[in-house]
């Protein structure tokens, strides 16, 4: 007669919680998590890249912002992402000067820039992304570094255009502007396409807009052009919100119910963990609610130059 399944599971959980060699592994993983706070985000970006073609990871831009979420397909989302990249290409000031694409993701923007004949360099701290770019876009140099840590001395005044497309939100405001001041060529253009918080309190993703403007002025930069494209990115959020509410959360509830029916002892042991996972899923769904985003953030497309 075999051992009861529930008791084996219990021993496994207790063992991983209390045995010294498991505790040591747990501590190492905890420290690693603290050292690399963006690792979870990188895993999400990798997932998105497998769902969508083209190696683009940004929100995309819909010329028809009233498109209902139910009518959006993955093909339509890819076209919106390509359209977004075209908006950035139109803002490049000096096409003959080197371009730095900060936070290159899976390299979609790099490939588009190179195909248009630009001298482009990518930058991303994620090793998986670096390896993918080097395989998919051979010949395009990519710096494996955080923007804040990039070698500024050897890149002093090198880039005529620097692009931050949905990447500045992940970076330290105190360190970004000093690096920009050194690597941007005289007369160069800094393109920033990202969302900024306009509300106080609540969800903290993105820079606070007034703070960003204040930091720009103090660092000797000025906004040359600014376009609010919030309406054009909302359909992507609406599509993601639709998937989460009609597929993700129901699937999670189904799995929870199935576990309770098939393995009630295990369900009891993991009940708190499951509830926390569902609460986290609900919070994540709220973050991508287009109505909430519209009230608390602005997605801006800026060109910035030295004042």
Foldseek 3Di string as FASTA:
>chain_A
DDDDPLVVVVCVVVCLVDPPVNVVVVVVVVVVCVVCVCPVVLVVQVVVPVVAPQQFRALFFAPPLVDALVPDDSVNRNVRSVVVLVVVVVPFDDQAAEEEEEQCGQPNSVVVSVVVPGLYEYEELDPVSQVNCCVVPPPHHYHNDHLLPDDLVVQFQRGLEYEAAANVQVDDLVRNLVSCVGNHHANGKYKYWFKAWPDPDDDDGHHHVVVNCVSQVVSQKDWPDKDFRLSGSLSSLSNVLCCLVVPVLVVLVVVLVVCCVPPVSVSVVCVVVSVVVSVVSVVVSVVSNSVVCVVTMTGMITMMHGD
